[in-house]
Structure formats: C-alpha cells, structure tokens
Amino acid sequence: MNENEIAKIVVDLCFRIHKQYGAGLFESVYEEIFCYELHKLNLPIVRQKGVKVIHEGVDMGIGFIPDLVLCDKVIIELKSAENLAEVHYKQLLTYLRITDLRLGLLINFNVPLIKDGIHRIVNKL
C-alpha cells in the first residue's frame, strides 16, 4: 500500500468520524476513535512512540512524539484546535524530514467541515 492509498483510507475515516461526532471533542477522544477504526481495518499503526534525533552522530534522545505513524509510511498529527498555526505545518514537515517519510496528514477535527481540516504535508513526494 502506498502513501496515497493510506491517505485515502485516513480521509475516509475522518469524514465518517466527523459526520458522527462533529467538532468540539478533545483531541484525545478523536485519537481513540481514529485508532479503534484503524485497528478494525488491520492497518499497522504506531501510536505516541518517541522518535530519537541524531545530531552529528550523537543520540540526543527522544526528539519528538508523532501522534500516529501508519504502515511505517504516513505520519498523522491530530488536532482539535480553534485554528492551526503555521508552526503546526512546519512541525509536521520537520517530523517527515527527520524520519525520511514522504507524507504527513495534519488533521484538525474542530472545524465545521472536515474537508477544511485535512492538510497534506509532503517531503520529497
């Protein structure tokens, strides 16, 4: 399964979840529901696992913790915020660069229309 096929599954799930629950829940609730639905699809998912940063050959320890990594190919960052800041986009791009992954999805569930809350961030894709 390639990045775009994974992204389609994620987007479809977002639409289903948002249609059922709408905006206004905590990010952690959306994450729980999202992971539950992904497990039902038997997709390999890594949740809230620290990623080390290596600087000049030295392990700096955990550098960041992505919300989800699907199929070892796509980073998913979930939000439930009034507005996304520019730093959210840059943060996900940095995650992609450090992990050498090519696609990230920044998803904000706290919007009237979920299509306005889904953002693709690419790294060498």
Protein backbone atom coordinates (compact mmCIF):
# COMPACT_ATOMS: atom_id res chain seq x y z
CA MET A 1 0.00 0.00 0.00
CA ASN A 2 1.47 3.36 -0.98
CA GLU A 3 1.16 6.73 0.78
CA ASN A 4 -1.77 7.93 -1.31
CA GLU A 5 -3.75 4.74 -0.69
CA ILE A 6 -3.16 5.12 3.05
CA ALA A 7 -4.17 8.79 2.87
CA LYS A 8 -7.45 7.88 1.17
CA ILE A 9 -8.30 5.48 3.99
CA VAL A 10 -7.44 8.15 6.56
CA VAL A 11 -9.52 10.82 4.84
CA ASP A 12 -12.50 8.47 4.56
CA LEU A 13 -12.22 7.69 8.28
CA CYS A 14 -12.03 11.40 9.11
CA PHE A 15 -15.24 12.05 7.19
CA ARG A 16 -17.03 9.19 8.95
CA ILE A 17 -15.84 10.22 12.42
CA HIS A 18 -16.60 13.91 11.87
CA LYS A 19 -20.02 13.14 10.44
CA GLN A 20 -20.90 11.12 13.53
CA TYR A 21 -19.38 13.34 16.24
CA GLY A 22 -18.79 16.75 14.69
CA ALA A 23 -16.42 19.31 16.16
CA GLY A 24 -15.75 20.07 19.80
CA LEU A 25 -14.35 16.92 21.38
CA PHE A 26 -10.88 16.71 22.90
CA GLU A 27 -8.05 15.65 20.60
CA SER A 28 -7.54 12.53 22.72
CA VAL A 29 -11.12 11.38 22.04
CA TYR A 30 -10.69 11.72 18.28
CA GLU A 31 -7.40 9.84 18.55
CA GLU A 32 -9.00 6.96 20.45
CA ILE A 33 -11.83 6.64 17.92
CA PHE A 34 -9.44 7.01 14.99
CA CYS A 35 -7.12 4.27 16.32
CA TYR A 36 -10.05 1.99 17.08
CA GLU A 37 -11.24 2.32 13.47
CA LEU A 38 -7.72 1.74 12.08
CA HIS A 39 -7.36 -1.43 14.17
CA LYS A 40 -10.63 -2.70 12.69
CA LEU A 41 -9.02 -2.30 9.26
CA ASN A 42 -5.91 -4.23 10.41
CA LEU A 43 -3.59 -1.39 9.44
CA PRO A 44 -0.23 -1.36 11.21
CA ILE A 45 -0.18 1.67 13.46
CA VAL A 46 2.36 3.05 15.91
CA ARG A 47 0.88 5.43 18.43
CA GLN A 48 2.65 8.08 20.50
CA LYS A 49 6.10 6.48 20.17
CA GLY A 50 9.11 8.71 20.68
CA VAL A 51 11.48 9.27 17.77
CA LYS A 52 15.14 9.90 18.50
CA VAL A 53 17.07 12.75 16.96
CA ILE A 54 20.68 12.03 15.98
CA HIS A 55 22.83 15.14 15.70
CA GLU A 56 26.36 14.79 14.33
CA GLY A 57 26.26 11.09 15.16
CA VAL A 58 25.19 11.68 18.76
CA ASP A 59 21.86 10.37 20.04
CA MET A 60 20.02 13.34 21.52
CA GLY A 61 17.32 11.10 22.97
CA ILE A 62 13.68 11.47 22.12
CA GLY A 63 13.28 14.43 19.81
CA PHE A 64 9.56 14.25 19.18
CA ILE A 65 6.48 12.07 19.53
CA PRO A 66 4.21 11.84 16.49
CA ASP A 67 0.56 11.09 17.24
CA LEU A 68 0.39 8.18 14.78
CA VAL A 69 2.52 6.51 12.13
CA LEU A 70 0.57 4.31 9.73
CA CYS A 71 2.14 1.41 7.84
CA ASP A 72 5.60 2.90 8.52
CA LYS A 73 4.81 5.40 5.74
CA VAL A 74 2.47 8.21 6.85
CA ILE A 75 2.61 10.44 9.92
CA ILE A 76 -0.74 11.58 11.25
CA GLU A 77 -0.99 14.59 13.55
CA LEU A 78 -4.44 15.06 15.04
CA LYS A 79 -5.70 18.35 16.43
CA SER A 80 -8.87 19.74 17.90
CA ALA A 81 -8.00 23.41 17.84
CA GLU A 82 -9.82 26.62 17.02
CA ASN A 83 -7.13 27.41 14.45
CA LEU A 84 -3.97 25.76 13.21
CA ALA A 85 -0.84 27.85 13.46
CA GLU A 86 1.91 27.93 10.85
CA VAL A 87 4.13 26.08 13.33
CA HIS A 88 1.84 23.01 13.14
CA TYR A 89 2.59 22.65 9.42
CA LYS A 90 6.32 23.25 9.90
CA GLN A 91 6.44 20.81 12.82
CA LEU A 92 4.96 18.00 10.70
CA LEU A 93 7.36 18.76 7.84
CA THR A 94 10.26 18.53 10.31
CA TYR A 95 8.94 15.17 11.52
CA LEU A 96 8.84 13.93 7.93
CA ARG A 97 12.38 15.13 7.23
CA ILE A 98 13.83 13.54 10.36
CA THR A 99 12.10 10.19 9.76
CA ASP A 100 12.66 10.39 5.97
CA LEU A 101 8.96 9.67 5.43
CA ARG A 102 7.23 11.30 2.50
CA LEU A 103 3.67 12.09 3.60
CA GLY A 104 2.06 13.57 6.66
CA LEU A 105 -1.55 14.44 7.34
CA LEU A 106 -2.37 17.28 9.71
CA ILE A 107 -5.99 16.83 10.72
CA ASN A 108 -7.99 19.34 12.74
CA PHE A 109 -11.37 17.95 13.80
CA ASN A 110 -12.53 21.24 15.32
CA VAL A 111 -13.92 22.65 12.06
CA PRO A 112 -17.46 22.88 10.68
CA LEU A 113 -16.46 20.94 7.52
CA ILE A 114 -13.78 18.27 7.92
CA LYS A 115 -12.53 18.85 4.36
CA ASP A 116 -11.24 22.20 5.66
CA GLY A 117 -9.40 20.46 8.50
CA ILE A 118 -7.36 17.96 6.46
CA HIS A 119 -3.94 19.10 5.25
CA ARG A 120 -1.35 17.10 3.29
CA ILE A 121 2.28 17.85 4.05
CA VAL A 122 4.82 16.28 1.73
CA ASN A 123 8.53 15.59 1.89
CA LYS A 124 10.11 14.58 -1.45
CA LEU A 125 6.83 13.11 -2.71
